[in-house]
C-alpha atoms as a PDB file:
ATOM      1  CA  MET A   1      22.833   6.331  -9.102  1.00  0.00           C
ATOM      2  CA  GLU A   2      21.911   3.061  -7.726  1.00  0.00           C
ATOM      3  CA  ALA A   3      19.002   0.527  -8.375  1.00  0.00           C
ATOM      4  CA  ILE A   4      16.516  -2.378  -7.126  1.00  0.00           C
ATOM      5  CA  ILE A   5      16.491  -5.067  -8.735  1.00  0.00           C
ATOM      6  CA  ILE A   6      13.506  -7.323  -9.008  1.00  0.00           C
ATOM      7  CA  HIS A   7      14.125 -10.774 -10.396  1.00  0.00           C
ATOM      8  CA  THR A   8      10.975 -12.348 -11.674  1.00  0.00           C
ATOM      9  CA  LYS A   9      11.275 -16.277 -12.137  1.00  0.00           C
ATOM     10  CA  GLY A  10       8.988 -19.036 -13.885  1.00  0.00           C
ATOM     11  CA  GLN A  11       8.327 -21.813 -16.049  1.00  0.00           C
ATOM     12  CA  ASN A  12       9.681 -20.432 -20.279  1.00  0.00           C
ATOM     13  CA  ILE A  13       9.787 -16.401 -19.184  1.00  0.00           C
ATOM     14  CA  SER A  14      12.195 -14.366 -20.808  1.00  0.00           C
ATOM     15  CA  PRO A  15      11.993 -10.830 -21.761  1.00  0.00           C
ATOM     16  CA  SER A  16      10.912 -11.964 -24.955  1.00  0.00           C
ATOM     17  CA  THR A  17       8.018 -14.367 -23.799  1.00  0.00           C
ATOM     18  CA  TYR A  18       7.269 -11.378 -20.927  1.00  0.00           C
ATOM     19  CA  ASP A  19       3.917  -9.736 -21.691  1.00  0.00           C
ATOM     20  CA  ILE A  20       4.563  -5.927 -22.585  1.00  0.00           C
ATOM     21  CA  LYS A  21       1.014  -5.433 -20.288  1.00  0.00           C
ATOM     22  CA  HIS A  22       2.985  -7.266 -17.254  1.00  0.00           C
ATOM     23  CA  THR A  23       5.679  -4.232 -17.560  1.00  0.00           C
ATOM     24  CA  ILE A  24       2.941  -1.670 -17.679  1.00  0.00           C
ATOM     25  CA  ASP A  25       1.484  -2.878 -14.681  1.00  0.00           C
ATOM     26  CA  LEU A  26       4.863  -3.333 -12.848  1.00  0.00           C
ATOM     27  CA  LEU A  27       6.417   0.487 -13.277  1.00  0.00           C
ATOM     28  CA  LYS A  28       3.058   1.609 -12.499  1.00  0.00           C
ATOM     29  CA  HIS A  29       3.025   0.497  -9.628  1.00  0.00           C
ATOM     30  CA  VAL A  30       6.642   1.511  -9.108  1.00  0.00           C
ATOM     31  CA  ASN A  31       5.798   5.095 -10.395  1.00  0.00           C
ATOM     32  CA  LYS A  32       2.883   5.224  -7.444  1.00  0.00           C
ATOM     33  CA  SER A  33       5.425   3.644  -4.724  1.00  0.00           C
ATOM     34  CA  LEU A  34       8.645   5.388  -5.476  1.00  0.00           C
ATOM     35  CA  ARG A  35       7.443   8.816  -7.143  1.00  0.00           C
ATOM     36  CA  PRO A  36       6.832  11.104  -4.492  1.00  0.00           C
ATOM     37  CA  LEU A  37      10.063   9.939  -3.040  1.00  0.00           C
ATOM     38  CA  LEU A  38      11.773  11.740  -5.770  1.00  0.00           C
ATOM     39  CA  LYS A  39      12.843  15.608  -5.749  1.00  0.00           C
ATOM     40  CA  ASN A  40      12.513  18.219  -8.045  1.00  0.00           C
ATOM     41  CA  ASP A  41      13.982  16.830 -11.472  1.00  0.00           C
ATOM     42  CA  GLU A  42      15.225  13.678 -10.443  1.00  0.00           C
ATOM     43  CA  ILE A  43      14.035  10.776 -12.237  1.00  0.00           C
ATOM     44  CA  ILE A  44      13.056   6.747 -12.043  1.00  0.00           C
ATOM     45  CA  SER A  45      14.848   5.327 -15.356  1.00  0.00           C
ATOM     46  CA  TYR A  46      14.275   1.329 -16.305  1.00  0.00           C
ATOM     47  CA  GLU A  47      16.039  -1.564 -17.681  1.00  0.00           C
ATOM     48  CA  GLN A  48      15.115  -4.647 -18.399  1.00  0.00           C
ATOM     49  CA  LYS A  49      17.450  -8.027 -18.724  1.00  0.00           C
ATOM     50  CA  GLU A  50      17.897 -11.710 -19.572  1.00  0.00           C
ATOM     51  CA  GLY A  51      17.603 -14.060 -16.399  1.00  0.00           C
ATOM     52  CA  SER A  52      14.420 -15.210 -16.146  1.00  0.00           C
ATOM     53  CA  VAL A  53      13.710 -11.508 -16.309  1.00  0.00           C
ATOM     54  CA  ILE A  54      15.801  -8.865 -14.598  1.00  0.00           C
ATOM     55  CA  HIS A  55      13.990  -5.906 -14.078  1.00  0.00           C
ATOM     56  CA  LYS A  56      16.309  -3.025 -13.040  1.00  0.00           C
ATOM     57  CA  LEU A  57      15.340   0.588 -11.613  1.00  0.00           C
ATOM     58  CA  LEU A  58      17.639   3.468 -11.661  1.00  0.00           C
ATOM     59  CA  ILE A  59      17.161   5.320  -8.894  1.00  0.00           C
ATOM     60  CA  PRO A  60      18.916   8.325  -6.977  1.00  0.00           C
ATOM     61  CA  PHE A  61      21.249   6.601  -3.628  1.00  0.00           C
ATOM     62  CA  ALA A  62      18.968   8.003  -0.928  1.00  0.00           C
ATOM     63  CA  ILE A  63      15.751   6.477  -2.016  1.00  0.00           C
ATOM     64  CA  VAL A  64      17.429   3.158  -2.742  1.00  0.00           C
ATOM     65  CA  ALA A  65      19.086   3.651   0.974  1.00  0.00           C
ATOM     66  CA  THR A  66      15.690   4.003   2.202  1.00  0.00           C
ATOM     67  CA  ILE A  67      14.134   1.113   0.075  1.00  0.00           C
ATOM     68  CA  ASN A  68      16.805  -1.298   1.372  1.00  0.00           C
ATOM     69  CA  ALA A  69      16.408  -0.186   5.132  1.00  0.00           C
ATOM     70  CA  GLU A  70      12.357  -0.754   4.400  1.00  0.00           C
ATOM     71  CA  LEU A  71      13.119  -4.624   3.545  1.00  0.00           C
ATOM     72  CA  GLY A  72      15.308  -4.845   6.273  1.00  0.00           C
ATOM     73  CA  ASN A  73      12.196  -4.080   8.371  1.00  0.00           C
ATOM     74  CA  ILE A  74       9.700  -6.594   6.460  1.00  0.00           C
ATOM     75  CA  ASN A  75      12.713  -9.109   6.853  1.00  0.00           C
ATOM     76  CA  ASN A  76      12.262  -8.329  10.793  1.00  0.00           C
ATOM     77  CA  ASN A  77       8.192  -8.473  10.908  1.00  0.00           C
ATOM     78  CA  ASN A  78       8.182  -4.667  10.815  1.00  0.00           C
ATOM     79  CA  ILE A  79       5.690  -4.408   8.112  1.00  0.00           C
ATOM     80  CA  SER A  80       4.333  -1.189   9.154  1.00  0.00           C
ATOM     81  CA  LYS A  81       7.669   0.836   8.836  1.00  0.00           C
ATOM     82  CA  ALA A  82       7.944  -0.132   4.961  1.00  0.00           C
ATOM     83  CA  ARG A  83       5.020   1.946   3.352  1.00  0.00           C
ATOM     84  CA  ASN A  84       6.941   2.734   0.901  1.00  0.00           C
ATOM     85  CA  ILE A  85       7.725  -0.073  -0.930  1.00  0.00           C
ATOM     86  CA  MET A  86       5.005  -2.066   0.533  1.00  0.00           C
ATOM     87  CA  PRO A  87       1.957  -1.164  -2.309  1.00  0.00           C
ATOM     88  CA  LEU A  88       4.648  -2.620  -4.844  1.00  0.00           C
ATOM     89  CA  ILE A  89       5.577  -5.838  -2.860  1.00  0.00           C
ATOM     90  CA  GLU A  90       1.691  -6.334  -2.461  1.00  0.00           C
ATOM     91  CA  TYR A  91       1.000  -6.347  -6.293  1.00  0.00           C
ATOM     92  CA  ILE A  92       4.114  -8.093  -7.085  1.00  0.00           C
ATOM     93  CA  GLN A  93       2.617 -10.720  -4.382  1.00  0.00           C
ATOM     94  CA  ASN A  94      -0.781 -10.635  -6.320  1.00  0.00           C
ATOM     95  CA  VAL A  95       1.087 -11.237  -9.357  1.00  0.00           C
ATOM     96  CA  ALA A  96       2.625 -14.313  -7.987  1.00  0.00           C
ATOM     97  CA  LYS A  97      -0.375 -15.930  -6.930  1.00  0.00           C
ATOM     98  CA  THR A  98      -2.452 -15.684  -9.675  1.00  0.00           C
ATOM     99  CA  LYS A  99       0.808 -16.164 -12.255  1.00  0.00           C
ATOM    100  CA  GLY A 100       2.805 -19.141 -10.531  1.00  0.00           C
ATOM    101  CA  LEU A 101       5.687 -16.919 -10.399  1.00  0.00           C
ATOM    102  CA  TYR A 102       8.326 -15.726  -7.577  1.00  0.00           C
ATOM    103  CA  SER A 103      10.218 -12.874  -7.372  1.00  0.00           C
ATOM    104  CA  THR A 104      13.334 -11.669  -5.074  1.00  0.00           C
ATOM    105  CA  ILE A 105      13.861  -7.671  -4.317  1.00  0.00           C
ATOM    106  CA  LYS A 106      17.015  -6.415  -3.716  1.00  0.00           C
ATOM    107  CA  THR A 107      19.323  -3.002  -3.725  1.00  0.00           C
ATOM    108  CA  THR A 108      22.732  -2.566  -5.757  1.00  0.00           C
ATOM    109  CA  LEU A 109      24.008  -1.753  -2.193  1.00  0.00           C
ATOM    110  CA  ASN A 110      26.546  -3.757  -0.763  1.00  0.00           C
ATOM    111  CA  ASN A 111      25.153  -6.086   2.146  1.00  0.00           C
ATOM    112  CA  SER A 112      21.218  -5.434   0.739  1.00  0.00           C
ATOM    113  CA  TYR A 113      18.453  -7.035   1.964  1.00  0.00           C
ATOM    114  CA  SER A 114      16.202  -9.112  -0.005  1.00  0.00           C
ATOM    115  CA  LEU A 115      12.827 -10.180  -0.011  1.00  0.00           C
ATOM    116  CA  LYS A 116      11.513 -13.115  -1.862  1.00  0.00           C
ATOM    117  CA  ILE A 117       8.364 -12.978  -3.146  1.00  0.00           C
ATOM    118  CA  ASN A 118       6.020 -16.412  -3.645  1.00  0.00           C
ATOM    119  CA  LYS A 119       2.569 -17.880  -3.758  1.00  0.00           C
ATOM    120  CA  GLU A 120       3.051 -18.995  -0.137  1.00  0.00           C
ATOM    121  CA  THR A 121       4.054 -15.533   0.979  1.00  0.00           C
ATOM    122  CA  ASN A 122       1.793 -12.765   2.902  1.00  0.00           C
ATOM    123  CA  TYR A 123       3.057  -9.284   3.116  1.00  0.00           C
ATOM    124  CA  THR A 124      -0.081  -6.702   3.696  1.00  0.00           C
ATOM    125  CA  ILE A 125       0.051  -3.756   5.627  1.00  0.00           C
ATOM    126  CA  SER A 126      -2.931  -3.665   8.570  1.00  0.00           C
ATOM    127  CA  GLU A 127      -5.271  -0.661   7.111  1.00  0.00           C
ATOM    128  CA  GLN A 128      -5.155   2.678   9.448  1.00  0.00           C
ATOM    129  CA  TRP A 129      -7.292   4.688   9.433  1.00  0.00           C
ATOM    130  CA  ILE A 130      -6.850   7.912  10.919  1.00  0.00           C
ATOM    131  CA  LYS A 131      -9.016  10.894  11.846  1.00  0.00           C
ATOM    132  CA  THR A 132      -8.093  14.619  10.544  1.00  0.00           C
ATOM    133  CA  ASP A 133      -8.790  17.600   8.968  1.00  0.00           C
ATOM    134  CA  MET A 134      -7.582  19.417   6.286  1.00  0.00           C
ATOM    135  CA  TYR A 135      -7.792  22.197   3.106  1.00  0.00           C
ATOM    136  CA  LEU A 136      -8.661  21.062  -0.317  1.00  0.00           C
ATOM    137  CA  HIS A 137      -8.236  23.658  -3.710  1.00  0.00           C
ATOM    138  CA  GLY A 138     -10.263  23.214  -6.476  1.00  0.00           C
ATOM    139  CA  GLU A 139     -13.236  23.611  -8.717  1.00  0.00           C
ATOM    140  CA  ILE A 140     -16.470  22.415  -7.500  1.00  0.00           C
ATOM    141  CA  THR A 141     -17.489  20.349 -10.804  1.00  0.00           C
ATOM    142  CA  ASN A 142     -20.693  18.422  -8.666  1.00  0.00           C
ATOM    143  CA  ALA A 143     -23.393  19.256  -6.154  1.00  0.00           C
ATOM    144  CA  GLY A 144     -26.606  17.373  -4.877  1.00  0.00           C
ATOM    145  CA  GLY A 145     -27.339  13.618  -4.123  1.00  0.00           C
ATOM    146  CA  LYS A 146     -30.509  12.118  -3.525  1.00  0.00           C
ATOM    147  CA  LYS A 147     -29.831  11.126   0.421  1.00  0.00           C
ATOM    148  CA  THR A 148     -26.919  12.569   1.273  1.00  0.00           C
ATOM    149  CA  ALA A 149     -25.781  16.000  -0.028  1.00  0.00           C
ATOM    150  CA  ASN A 150     -22.387  16.569  -0.953  1.00  0.00           C
ATOM    151  CA  ILE A 151     -19.753  18.202  -3.131  1.00  0.00           C
ATOM    152  CA  HIS A 152     -17.340  16.825  -5.680  1.00  0.00           C
ATOM    153  CA  ILE A 153     -13.845  18.654  -5.123  1.00  0.00           C
ATOM    154  CA  ASP A 154     -11.250  18.581  -8.412  1.00  0.00           C
ATOM    155  CA  THR A 155      -8.335  19.692  -6.702  1.00  0.00           C
ATOM    156  CA  ASP A 156      -5.273  21.578  -7.526  1.00  0.00           C
ATOM    157  CA  ASP A 157      -3.287  18.033  -7.173  1.00  0.00           C
ATOM    158  CA  ASN A 158      -5.467  16.348  -9.316  1.00  0.00           C
ATOM    159  CA  ARG A 159      -7.512  14.273  -7.245  1.00  0.00           C
ATOM    160  CA  THR A 160     -11.472  14.489  -6.613  1.00  0.00           C
ATOM    161  CA  ILE A 161     -12.764  14.573  -3.439  1.00  0.00           C
ATOM    162  CA  ILE A 162     -16.788  14.158  -2.126  1.00  0.00           C
ATOM    163  CA  ALA A 163     -17.356  15.592   1.066  1.00  0.00           C
ATOM    164  CA  GLU A 164     -20.794  15.894   2.308  1.00  0.00           C
ATOM    165  CA  LEU A 165     -22.506  19.245   2.593  1.00  0.00           C
ATOM    166  CA  SER A 166     -25.716  20.322   4.334  1.00  0.00           C
ATOM    167  CA  LYS A 167     -28.610  20.993   1.847  1.00  0.00           C
ATOM    168  CA  ASP A 168     -29.332  23.999   3.121  1.00  0.00           C
ATOM    169  CA  LYS A 169     -25.524  25.262   1.970  1.00  0.00           C
ATOM    170  CA  LEU A 170     -26.368  23.886  -1.397  1.00  0.00           C
ATOM    171  CA  LYS A 171     -29.748  26.041  -1.689  1.00  0.00           C
ATOM    172  CA  SER A 172     -27.946  29.282  -0.305  1.00  0.00           C
ATOM    173  CA  LYS A 173     -25.301  29.104  -3.557  1.00  0.00           C
ATOM    174  CA  ASN A 174     -24.545  27.942  -6.602  1.00  0.00           C
ATOM    175  CA  PHE A 175     -21.055  26.427  -6.328  1.00  0.00           C
ATOM    176  CA  LEU A 176     -20.864  24.705  -9.410  1.00  0.00           C
ATOM    177  CA  TYR A 177     -17.391  25.744 -11.363  1.00  0.00           C
ATOM    178  CA  ASN A 178     -16.504  27.856  -9.179  1.00  0.00           C
ATOM    179  CA  SER A 179     -12.918  27.239  -7.254  1.00  0.00           C
ATOM    180  CA  TYR A 180     -13.206  27.436  -3.445  1.00  0.00           C
ATOM    181  CA  ARG A 181     -10.676  26.905  -0.245  1.00  0.00           C
ATOM    182  CA  VAL A 182     -12.871  23.600   1.838  1.00  0.00           C
ATOM    183  CA  LEU A 183     -11.191  22.639   4.870  1.00  0.00           C
ATOM    184  CA  ILE A 184     -12.841  19.069   5.610  1.00  0.00           C
ATOM    185  CA  GLU A 185     -12.966  17.117   8.507  1.00  0.00           C
ATOM    186  CA  CYS A 186     -12.613  12.983   7.264  1.00  0.00           C
ATOM    187  CA  GLU A 187     -10.709   9.894   8.052  1.00  0.00           C
ATOM    188  CA  GLN A 188      -7.366   9.284   5.832  1.00  0.00           C
ATOM    189  CA  ASN A 189      -5.808   5.739   5.126  1.00  0.00           C
ATOM    190  CA  LEU A 190      -2.115   6.144   6.086  1.00  0.00           C
ATOM    191  CA  THR A 191      -0.520   3.449   3.431  1.00  0.00           C
ATOM    192  CA  THR A 192      -2.644   5.324   0.790  1.00  0.00           C
ATOM    193  CA  GLN A 193      -3.685   8.607   1.546  1.00  0.00           C
ATOM    194  CA  THR A 194      -7.026   7.652   0.613  1.00  0.00           C
ATOM    195  CA  ILE A 195      -9.487  10.102   1.976  1.00  0.00           C
ATOM    196  CA  ARG A 196     -13.336   8.878   3.099  1.00  0.00           C
ATOM    197  CA  ASN A 197     -16.307   9.929   5.233  1.00  0.00           C
ATOM    198  CA  ALA A 198     -15.361  13.512   4.205  1.00  0.00           C
ATOM    199  CA  LYS A 199     -17.911  16.806   5.749  1.00  0.00           C
ATOM    200  CA  VAL A 200     -17.247  20.215   4.903  1.00  0.00           C
ATOM    201  CA  ILE A 201     -16.469  22.506   7.757  1.00  0.00           C
ATOM    202  CA  MET A 202     -16.124  25.779   5.734  1.00  0.00           C
ATOM    203  CA  LEU A 203     -15.694  26.473   2.321  1.00  0.00           C
ATOM    204  CA  GLU A 204     -14.623  30.277   0.575  1.00  0.00           C
ATOM    205  CA  PRO A 205     -14.126  31.565  -3.006  1.00  0.00           C
ATOM    206  CA  TYR A 206     -10.688  30.930  -4.070  1.00  0.00           C
ATOM    207  CA  LYS A 207      -8.548  32.412  -7.065  1.00  0.00           C
ATOM    208  CA  GLN A 208      -4.785  30.456  -6.728  1.00  0.00           C
ATOM    209  CA  GLU A 209      -2.787  32.851  -8.271  1.00  0.00           C
ATOM    210  CA  LYS A 210      -4.605  35.931  -6.886  1.00  0.00           C
ATOM    211  CA  ASP A 211      -5.588  35.961  -3.499  1.00  0.00           C
ATOM    212  CA  ILE A 212      -3.107  33.197  -1.739  1.00  0.00           C
ATOM    213  CA  GLU A 213      -0.551  35.935  -0.786  1.00  0.00           C
ATOM    214  CA  LYS A 214      -3.566  37.982   0.982  1.00  0.00           C
ATOM    215  CA  TYR A 215      -4.446  34.062   2.571  1.00  0.00           C
ATOM    216  CA  LEU A 216      -0.898  33.336   3.758  1.00  0.00           C
ATOM    217  CA  ASN A 217      -0.843  36.945   5.555  1.00  0.00           C
ATOM    218  CA  LYS A 218      -4.474  36.603   6.635  1.00  0.00           C
ATOM    219  CA  LYS A 219      -3.227  33.492   8.357  1.00  0.00           C
ATOM    220  CA  ILE A 220       0.209  34.723   9.535  1.00  0.00           C
ATOM    221  CA  LYS A 221      -1.702  37.594  10.958  1.00  0.00           C
ATOM    222  CA  ILE A 222      -4.085  34.693  13.042  1.00  0.00           C
ATOM    223  CA  ALA A 223      -0.619  32.870  14.058  1.00  0.00           C
ATOM    224  CA  LYS A 224       0.806  35.833  15.346  1.00  0.00           C
ATOM    225  CA  LYS A 225      -1.908  36.904  17.506  1.00  0.00           C
ATOM    226  CA  ASN A 226      -2.363  33.117  18.808  1.00  0.00           C
ATOM    227  CA  TRP A 227       1.178  32.740  19.672  1.00  0.00           C
ATOM    228  CA  GLN A 228       1.935  36.475  21.042  1.00  0.00           C
ATOM    229  CA  ASP A 229       2.636  35.461  24.888  1.00  0.00           C
ATOM    230  CA  VAL A 230       4.403  32.036  23.488  1.00  0.00           C
ATOM    231  CA  ASN A 231       8.415  32.390  24.049  1.00  0.00           C
ATOM    232  CA  ALA A 232       9.477  30.389  20.735  1.00  0.00           C
ATOM    233  CA  THR A 233      12.569  29.529  21.781  1.00  0.00           C
ATOM    234  CA  GLU A 234      11.376  28.412  25.133  1.00  0.00           C
ATOM    235  CA  TRP A 235       8.367  26.312  23.496  1.00  0.00           C
ATOM    236  CA  LEU A 236      11.034  24.676  20.683  1.00  0.00           C
ATOM    237  CA  LYS A 237      13.307  23.238  23.724  1.00  0.00           C
ATOM    238  CA  SER A 238      10.149  21.515  25.376  1.00  0.00           C
ATOM    239  CA  VAL A 239       9.348  19.991  21.531  1.00  0.00           C
ATOM    240  CA  ARG A 240      12.938  18.994  21.713  1.00  0.00           C
END
């Protein structure tokens, strides 16, 4: 295990005077930024030390190496290639501006990059939205809307997505509290993965455990038909 070190300094602060609320907020942003990089049973552990306050995040080597590279990208003004660590850095920067603290972030790797954050720094990543289609699986928990008809989908990965659906389609069936596979077109933020302006293209009944194999076999059959005239080896060579 290696570590990411966040060294926070300020007037008269130490672990004994550092409000637990700030530690909880920091760890929430750590979890949001780094948890998606973990594999299976990998963990993030935490230590707080003196001097003024040192936050030590113990993480698998591969993730620390990724974050170190991203710190290097930020130092080289290539913030767009630091998408994993930037939400955490933006939080620390906001604390610096509002609380008058300043921090240094580095890793325990040899020749680690480091990044200094204070009320004068302004590390931000420009928001980029892309148009995309995606499948969602989940339960419809709300349907209606006065101006724009829509449905609320509680997805299997614990998100709630609101997607526009025509009034005629809503009138045709009672969708509430049933599970569906939903194809939407939407805009997605490349940094936060937030979805906006979602519209339903297709929805069909979905039973997670019972019909997933049937669904996959159906898609495989369609794919085989669409690719029957394609030489897979030659196609791979052209992609490479």
